[in-house]
């Protein structure tokens, strides 16, 4: 396996963890004076169906499984794997940036301290 794919995979997992943490901080409870919602309609459905924490755990498990499959399968050529991971890194990085902006605007602690 190419080292660039490993780096992209690790970055995907790191950004996913950051996205899940910041999503949890934004959605874990009402914020006085604000209506905070999940922008991703699939994640919103998942959180409403299962609850926030179980939904984030399921999403994490699916993400780890998908990255593991992508890294180990021979069905997808390396350039396509790199392209897929690059798109996921960019998309998830944007979500983290957006969540961090929301956390700052809402006056929440990024460490989860109330």
N, C-alpha and C. Protein backbone atom coordinates (compact mmCIF):
# COMPACT_ATOMS: atom_id res chain seq x y z
N UNK A 1 0.84 -1.18 0.00
CA UNK A 1 0.00 0.00 0.00
C UNK A 1 0.89 1.24 0.00
N UNK A 2 0.49 2.21 -0.80
CA UNK A 2 1.27 3.43 -0.91
C UNK A 2 1.16 4.26 0.38
N UNK A 3 2.26 4.94 0.70
CA UNK A 3 2.25 5.75 1.92
C UNK A 3 1.27 6.92 1.80
N UNK A 4 1.07 7.45 0.59
CA UNK A 4 0.13 8.57 0.43
C UNK A 4 -1.30 8.12 0.75
N UNK A 5 -1.63 6.88 0.42
CA UNK A 5 -2.96 6.36 0.77
C UNK A 5 -3.10 6.21 2.28
N UNK A 6 -2.04 5.77 2.93
CA UNK A 6 -2.07 5.66 4.40
C UNK A 6 -2.28 7.01 5.05
N UNK A 7 -1.57 8.02 4.54
CA UNK A 7 -1.71 9.37 5.08
C UNK A 7 -3.13 9.88 4.88
N UNK A 8 -3.68 9.69 3.68
CA UNK A 8 -5.05 10.12 3.42
C UNK A 8 -6.05 9.37 4.31
N UNK A 9 -5.81 8.08 4.51
CA UNK A 9 -6.70 7.28 5.36
C UNK A 9 -6.65 7.79 6.80
N UNK A 10 -5.45 8.03 7.31
CA UNK A 10 -5.32 8.56 8.67
C UNK A 10 -5.94 9.94 8.81
N UNK A 11 -5.75 10.77 7.80
CA UNK A 11 -6.35 12.10 7.81
C UNK A 11 -7.88 11.99 7.78
N UNK A 12 -8.40 11.05 7.01
CA UNK A 12 -9.84 10.81 6.97
C UNK A 12 -10.36 10.44 8.36
N UNK A 13 -9.67 9.51 9.02
CA UNK A 13 -10.10 9.08 10.35
C UNK A 13 -9.98 10.20 11.38
N UNK A 14 -8.90 10.97 11.30
CA UNK A 14 -8.71 12.09 12.23
C UNK A 14 -9.81 13.14 12.04
N UNK A 15 -10.06 13.52 10.78
CA UNK A 15 -11.07 14.54 10.51
C UNK A 15 -12.47 14.04 10.85
N UNK A 16 -12.71 12.75 10.64
CA UNK A 16 -14.01 12.18 11.02
C UNK A 16 -14.21 12.27 12.52
N UNK A 17 -13.17 11.94 13.27
CA UNK A 17 -13.26 12.05 14.73
C UNK A 17 -13.50 13.51 15.14
N UNK A 18 -12.81 14.43 14.51
CA UNK A 18 -12.99 15.86 14.81
C UNK A 18 -14.41 16.30 14.43
N UNK A 19 -14.91 15.83 13.31
CA UNK A 19 -16.27 16.15 12.88
C UNK A 19 -17.28 15.61 13.88
N UNK A 20 -17.10 14.39 14.32
CA UNK A 20 -18.04 13.79 15.26
C UNK A 20 -18.00 14.52 16.60
N UNK A 21 -16.81 14.88 17.06
CA UNK A 21 -16.69 15.60 18.33
C UNK A 21 -17.37 16.97 18.24
N UNK A 22 -17.07 17.71 17.18
CA UNK A 22 -17.64 19.05 17.05
C UNK A 22 -19.14 18.99 16.79
N UNK A 23 -19.60 17.97 16.07
CA UNK A 23 -21.03 17.79 15.88
C UNK A 23 -21.71 17.51 17.22
N UNK A 24 -21.09 16.65 18.02
CA UNK A 24 -21.63 16.35 19.35
C UNK A 24 -21.74 17.63 20.18
N UNK A 25 -20.69 18.44 20.17
CA UNK A 25 -20.70 19.68 20.96
C UNK A 25 -21.83 20.61 20.52
N UNK A 26 -22.05 20.69 19.21
CA UNK A 26 -23.08 21.59 18.69
C UNK A 26 -24.49 21.09 18.94
N UNK A 27 -24.68 19.77 18.92
CA UNK A 27 -26.03 19.22 18.95
C UNK A 27 -26.43 18.56 20.26
N UNK A 28 -25.53 18.48 21.23
CA UNK A 28 -25.82 17.71 22.44
C UNK A 28 -26.94 18.30 23.29
N UNK A 29 -27.20 19.55 23.16
CA UNK A 29 -28.27 20.16 23.93
C UNK A 29 -28.64 21.50 23.35
N UNK A 30 -29.77 22.01 23.75
CA UNK A 30 -30.17 23.33 23.24
C UNK A 30 -29.18 24.41 23.66
N UNK A 31 -29.00 25.37 22.78
CA UNK A 31 -28.16 26.53 23.08
C UNK A 31 -29.09 27.73 23.13
N UNK A 32 -29.13 28.36 24.28
CA UNK A 32 -30.05 29.48 24.50
C UNK A 32 -29.92 30.53 23.40
N UNK A 33 -31.05 30.84 22.78
CA UNK A 33 -31.08 31.87 21.74
C UNK A 33 -30.73 31.38 20.35
N UNK A 34 -30.45 30.09 20.20
CA UNK A 34 -30.05 29.55 18.90
C UNK A 34 -30.85 28.30 18.57
N UNK A 35 -31.09 28.10 17.28
CA UNK A 35 -31.65 26.84 16.81
C UNK A 35 -30.56 26.16 15.99
N UNK A 36 -29.94 25.14 16.57
CA UNK A 36 -28.82 24.45 15.94
C UNK A 36 -29.33 23.14 15.36
N UNK A 37 -29.03 22.90 14.07
CA UNK A 37 -29.49 21.68 13.40
C UNK A 37 -28.34 21.05 12.64
N UNK A 38 -28.49 19.79 12.32
CA UNK A 38 -27.53 19.05 11.49
C UNK A 38 -27.80 19.38 10.03
N UNK A 39 -26.77 19.78 9.29
CA UNK A 39 -26.93 20.18 7.90
C UNK A 39 -27.04 18.98 6.95
N UNK A 40 -26.41 17.87 7.30
CA UNK A 40 -26.44 16.68 6.45
C UNK A 40 -27.77 15.95 6.69
N UNK A 41 -28.63 15.85 5.67
CA UNK A 41 -29.95 15.24 5.89
C UNK A 41 -29.88 13.77 6.29
N UNK A 42 -28.88 13.04 5.83
CA UNK A 42 -28.76 11.62 6.20
C UNK A 42 -28.35 11.52 7.67
N UNK A 43 -27.37 12.32 8.07
CA UNK A 43 -26.95 12.32 9.48
C UNK A 43 -28.08 12.82 10.37
N UNK A 44 -28.81 13.83 9.91
CA UNK A 44 -29.93 14.34 10.69
C UNK A 44 -30.96 13.23 10.93
N UNK A 45 -31.29 12.48 9.90
CA UNK A 45 -32.21 11.36 10.03
C UNK A 45 -31.66 10.32 11.01
N UNK A 46 -30.38 10.00 10.87
CA UNK A 46 -29.74 9.02 11.75
C UNK A 46 -29.81 9.47 13.21
N UNK A 47 -29.49 10.72 13.47
CA UNK A 47 -29.50 11.24 14.84
C UNK A 47 -30.92 11.27 15.41
N UNK A 48 -31.90 11.63 14.57
CA UNK A 48 -33.28 11.65 15.04
C UNK A 48 -33.79 10.23 15.27
N UNK A 49 -33.34 9.27 14.47
CA UNK A 49 -33.80 7.88 14.58
C UNK A 49 -33.16 7.15 15.76
N UNK A 50 -31.86 7.31 15.92
CA UNK A 50 -31.11 6.55 16.93
C UNK A 50 -30.74 7.34 18.17
N UNK A 51 -30.68 8.64 18.02
CA UNK A 51 -30.12 9.49 19.06
C UNK A 51 -28.74 9.97 18.60
N UNK A 52 -28.32 11.06 19.16
CA UNK A 52 -27.06 11.67 18.72
C UNK A 52 -25.85 10.77 18.96
N UNK A 53 -25.66 10.34 20.17
CA UNK A 53 -24.46 9.54 20.49
C UNK A 53 -24.45 8.19 19.77
N UNK A 54 -25.54 7.41 19.79
CA UNK A 54 -25.53 6.15 19.03
C UNK A 54 -25.33 6.39 17.53
N UNK A 55 -25.91 7.47 17.00
CA UNK A 55 -25.74 7.78 15.58
C UNK A 55 -24.29 8.10 15.24
N UNK A 56 -23.63 8.84 16.11
CA UNK A 56 -22.22 9.16 15.89
C UNK A 56 -21.35 7.90 15.99
N UNK A 57 -21.68 7.02 16.93
CA UNK A 57 -20.93 5.76 17.07
C UNK A 57 -21.11 4.91 15.82
N UNK A 58 -22.34 4.77 15.34
CA UNK A 58 -22.58 3.99 14.12
C UNK A 58 -21.85 4.59 12.94
N UNK A 59 -21.91 5.91 12.80
CA UNK A 59 -21.20 6.57 11.70
C UNK A 59 -19.70 6.32 11.80
N UNK A 60 -19.16 6.34 13.01
CA UNK A 60 -17.72 6.07 13.20
C UNK A 60 -17.36 4.65 12.77
N UNK A 61 -18.18 3.69 13.18
CA UNK A 61 -17.92 2.29 12.83
C UNK A 61 -17.98 2.10 11.31
N UNK A 62 -18.98 2.69 10.68
CA UNK A 62 -19.12 2.58 9.22
C UNK A 62 -17.93 3.24 8.53
N UNK A 63 -17.49 4.38 9.03
CA UNK A 63 -16.35 5.08 8.43
C UNK A 63 -15.08 4.25 8.53
N UNK A 64 -14.80 3.69 9.70
CA UNK A 64 -13.61 2.86 9.89
C UNK A 64 -13.68 1.64 8.96
N UNK A 65 -14.85 1.01 8.87
CA UNK A 65 -15.01 -0.16 7.99
C UNK A 65 -14.81 0.21 6.53
N UNK A 66 -15.35 1.35 6.13
CA UNK A 66 -15.21 1.78 4.73
C UNK A 66 -13.75 2.09 4.39
N UNK A 67 -13.06 2.76 5.29
CA UNK A 67 -11.64 3.07 5.05
C UNK A 67 -10.82 1.78 5.01
N UNK A 68 -11.10 0.86 5.91
CA UNK A 68 -10.38 -0.42 5.92
C UNK A 68 -10.63 -1.18 4.62
N UNK A 69 -11.88 -1.22 4.19
CA UNK A 69 -12.19 -1.88 2.92
C UNK A 69 -11.45 -1.21 1.77
N UNK A 70 -11.51 0.10 1.72
CA UNK A 70 -10.87 0.83 0.62
C UNK A 70 -9.37 0.57 0.58
N UNK A 71 -8.74 0.50 1.73
CA UNK A 71 -7.29 0.28 1.76
C UNK A 71 -6.91 -1.15 1.38
N UNK A 72 -7.79 -2.11 1.66
CA UNK A 72 -7.42 -3.51 1.45
C UNK A 72 -7.95 -4.13 0.16
N UNK A 73 -8.96 -3.52 -0.44
CA UNK A 73 -9.53 -4.14 -1.64
C UNK A 73 -8.62 -3.99 -2.84
N UNK A 74 -8.66 -5.00 -3.68
CA UNK A 74 -7.93 -4.95 -4.96
C UNK A 74 -8.87 -4.59 -6.10
N UNK A 75 -10.15 -4.39 -5.76
CA UNK A 75 -11.15 -4.09 -6.77
C UNK A 75 -11.07 -2.65 -7.26
N UNK A 76 -10.46 -1.78 -6.48
CA UNK A 76 -10.37 -0.36 -6.81
C UNK A 76 -8.90 0.00 -6.99
N UNK A 77 -8.54 0.58 -8.13
CA UNK A 77 -7.14 0.96 -8.35
C UNK A 77 -6.70 2.09 -7.41
N UNK A 78 -5.41 2.11 -7.11
CA UNK A 78 -4.86 3.09 -6.17
C UNK A 78 -5.20 4.54 -6.51
N UNK A 79 -5.12 4.95 -7.79
CA UNK A 79 -5.49 6.35 -8.07
C UNK A 79 -6.94 6.67 -7.70
N UNK A 80 -7.84 5.73 -7.89
CA UNK A 80 -9.24 5.94 -7.53
C UNK A 80 -9.39 6.00 -6.01
N UNK A 81 -8.65 5.14 -5.31
CA UNK A 81 -8.67 5.17 -3.85
C UNK A 81 -8.22 6.54 -3.34
N UNK A 82 -7.13 7.03 -3.92
CA UNK A 82 -6.61 8.34 -3.53
C UNK A 82 -7.62 9.45 -3.80
N UNK A 83 -8.31 9.37 -4.94
CA UNK A 83 -9.31 10.37 -5.28
C UNK A 83 -10.49 10.33 -4.30
N UNK A 84 -10.94 9.13 -3.98
CA UNK A 84 -12.06 8.98 -3.03
C UNK A 84 -11.67 9.56 -1.67
N UNK A 85 -10.50 9.17 -1.17
CA UNK A 85 -10.07 9.67 0.14
C UNK A 85 -9.85 11.18 0.13
N UNK A 86 -9.35 11.71 -0.96
CA UNK A 86 -9.15 13.16 -1.06
C UNK A 86 -10.47 13.91 -0.98
N UNK A 87 -11.49 13.40 -1.66
CA UNK A 87 -12.82 14.02 -1.60
C UNK A 87 -13.38 13.95 -0.18
N UNK A 88 -13.22 12.79 0.47
CA UNK A 88 -13.73 12.64 1.84
C UNK A 88 -12.99 13.58 2.79
N UNK A 89 -11.67 13.70 2.63
CA UNK A 89 -10.88 14.61 3.47
C UNK A 89 -11.35 16.05 3.27
N UNK A 90 -11.55 16.45 2.03
CA UNK A 90 -11.98 17.83 1.76
C UNK A 90 -13.38 18.08 2.33
N UNK A 91 -14.30 17.17 2.09
CA UNK A 91 -15.67 17.32 2.57
C UNK A 91 -15.73 17.34 4.10
N UNK A 92 -15.03 16.42 4.72
CA UNK A 92 -15.04 16.33 6.18
C UNK A 92 -14.29 17.51 6.80
N UNK A 93 -13.20 17.92 6.17
CA UNK A 93 -12.48 19.11 6.64
C UNK A 93 -13.37 20.34 6.62
N UNK A 94 -14.18 20.48 5.58
CA UNK A 94 -15.13 21.59 5.51
C UNK A 94 -16.13 21.51 6.65
N UNK A 95 -16.63 20.30 6.92
CA UNK A 95 -17.60 20.12 8.01
C UNK A 95 -16.98 20.51 9.35
N UNK A 96 -15.73 20.11 9.58
CA UNK A 96 -15.06 20.46 10.84
C UNK A 96 -14.89 21.98 10.94
N UNK A 97 -14.46 22.60 9.86
CA UNK A 97 -14.31 24.07 9.85
C UNK A 97 -15.64 24.73 10.16
N UNK A 98 -16.70 24.26 9.52
CA UNK A 98 -18.03 24.82 9.74
C UNK A 98 -18.47 24.63 11.19
N UNK A 99 -18.24 23.43 11.74
CA UNK A 99 -18.61 23.16 13.13
C UNK A 99 -17.81 24.04 14.09
N UNK A 100 -16.51 24.19 13.84
CA UNK A 100 -15.69 25.05 14.71
C UNK A 100 -16.16 26.50 14.65
N UNK A 101 -16.57 26.94 13.48
CA UNK A 101 -17.13 28.30 13.35
C UNK A 101 -18.41 28.42 14.16
N UNK A 102 -19.26 27.40 14.09
CA UNK A 102 -20.50 27.40 14.87
C UNK A 102 -20.21 27.40 16.36
N UNK A 103 -19.24 26.58 16.77
CA UNK A 103 -18.87 26.52 18.19
C UNK A 103 -18.41 27.89 18.68
N UNK A 104 -17.60 28.58 17.89
CA UNK A 104 -17.12 29.91 18.27
C UNK A 104 -18.29 30.90 18.33
N UNK A 105 -19.17 30.85 17.34
CA UNK A 105 -20.32 31.76 17.29
C UNK A 105 -21.27 31.52 18.46
N UNK A 106 -21.46 30.24 18.80
CA UNK A 106 -22.37 29.88 19.88
C UNK A 106 -21.76 30.10 21.27
N UNK A 107 -20.46 30.33 21.31
CA UNK A 107 -19.79 30.53 22.59
C UNK A 107 -19.58 29.25 23.37
N UNK A 108 -19.49 28.12 22.65
CA UNK A 108 -19.27 26.83 23.29
C UNK A 108 -17.78 26.55 23.45
N UNK A 109 -17.44 25.69 24.36
CA UNK A 109 -16.05 25.30 24.53
C UNK A 109 -15.73 24.12 23.59
N UNK A 110 -14.66 24.20 22.81
CA UNK A 110 -14.28 23.08 21.93
C UNK A 110 -13.81 21.87 22.72
N UNK A 111 -13.59 22.04 24.03
CA UNK A 111 -13.19 20.91 24.87
C UNK A 111 -14.38 20.21 25.50
N UNK A 112 -15.58 20.77 25.28
CA UNK A 112 -16.78 20.16 25.82
C UNK A 112 -17.14 20.60 27.22
N UNK A 113 -16.40 21.58 27.74
CA UNK A 113 -16.69 22.11 29.09
C UNK A 113 -17.88 23.05 28.99
N UNK A 114 -18.83 22.86 29.87
CA UNK A 114 -20.03 23.71 29.82
C UNK A 114 -19.79 25.00 30.58
